[in-house]
Amino acid sequence: MDIIGKIITFVMSTFSNLVGSSSMIEDIKKGFKENFKKGS
């Protein structure tokens, strides 16, 4: 689980650097949380 968290954090930081849009990152985070709730 810790490895998955690190991977997600790495992808998030890389993606935010490429896009440069914090609002889009927040939308992705919300999507992750919603999908995680549905999965569990």
C-alpha atoms as a PDB file:
ATOM      1  CA  MET A   1       0.000   0.000   0.000  1.00  0.00           C
ATOM      2  CA  ASP A   2       2.881   2.333   0.852  1.00  0.00           C
ATOM      3  CA  ILE A   3       4.495   1.633  -2.535  1.00  0.00           C
ATOM      4  CA  ILE A   4       1.209   2.413  -4.315  1.00  0.00           C
ATOM      5  CA  GLY A   5       0.952   5.682  -2.398  1.00  0.00           C
ATOM      6  CA  LYS A   6       4.482   6.640  -3.432  1.00  0.00           C
ATOM      7  CA  ILE A   7       3.737   5.816  -7.072  1.00  0.00           C
ATOM      8  CA  ILE A   8       0.534   7.892  -7.015  1.00  0.00           C
ATOM      9  CA  THR A   9       2.391  10.794  -5.360  1.00  0.00           C
ATOM     10  CA  PHE A  10       5.156  10.574  -7.989  1.00  0.00           C
ATOM     11  CA  VAL A  11       2.658  10.505 -10.865  1.00  0.00           C
ATOM     12  CA  MET A  12       0.729  13.403  -9.328  1.00  0.00           C
ATOM     13  CA  SER A  13       3.844  15.562  -8.935  1.00  0.00           C
ATOM     14  CA  THR A  14       5.074  14.740 -12.442  1.00  0.00           C
ATOM     15  CA  PHE A  15       1.654  15.387 -13.957  1.00  0.00           C
ATOM     16  CA  SER A  16       1.258  18.680 -12.063  1.00  0.00           C
ATOM     17  CA  ASN A  17       4.653  19.818 -13.341  1.00  0.00           C
ATOM     18  CA  LEU A  18       3.687  18.967 -16.927  1.00  0.00           C
ATOM     19  CA  VAL A  19       0.208  20.470 -16.791  1.00  0.00           C
ATOM     20  CA  GLY A  20       0.840  23.266 -14.301  1.00  0.00           C
ATOM     21  CA  SER A  21      -2.848  23.309 -13.369  1.00  0.00           C
ATOM     22  CA  SER A  22      -3.594  22.834  -9.675  1.00  0.00           C
ATOM     23  CA  SER A  23      -7.343  22.784 -10.328  1.00  0.00           C
ATOM     24  CA  MET A  24      -6.989  19.767 -12.613  1.00  0.00           C
ATOM     25  CA  ILE A  25      -4.884  17.995  -9.974  1.00  0.00           C
ATOM     26  CA  GLU A  26      -7.608  18.617  -7.400  1.00  0.00           C
ATOM     27  CA  ASP A  27     -10.197  17.128  -9.779  1.00  0.00           C
ATOM     28  CA  ILE A  28      -8.017  14.039 -10.198  1.00  0.00           C
ATOM     29  CA  LYS A  29      -7.600  13.720  -6.431  1.00  0.00           C
ATOM     30  CA  LYS A  30     -11.394  13.924  -6.004  1.00  0.00           C
ATOM     31  CA  GLY A  31     -11.829  11.267  -8.673  1.00  0.00           C
ATOM     32  CA  PHE A  32      -9.308   8.998  -6.929  1.00  0.00           C
ATOM     33  CA  LYS A  33     -11.112   9.385  -3.601  1.00  0.00           C
ATOM     34  CA  GLU A  34     -14.538   8.691  -5.155  1.00  0.00           C
ATOM     35  CA  ASN A  35     -13.268   5.615  -6.998  1.00  0.00           C
ATOM     36  CA  PHE A  36     -11.510   4.380  -3.857  1.00  0.00           C
ATOM     37  CA  LYS A  37     -14.740   4.701  -1.852  1.00  0.00           C
ATOM     38  CA  LYS A  38     -16.656   2.762  -4.520  1.00  0.00           C
ATOM     39  CA  GLY A  39     -13.975   0.057  -4.566  1.00  0.00           C
ATOM     40  CA  SER A  40     -14.025  -0.402  -0.794  1.00  0.00           C
END
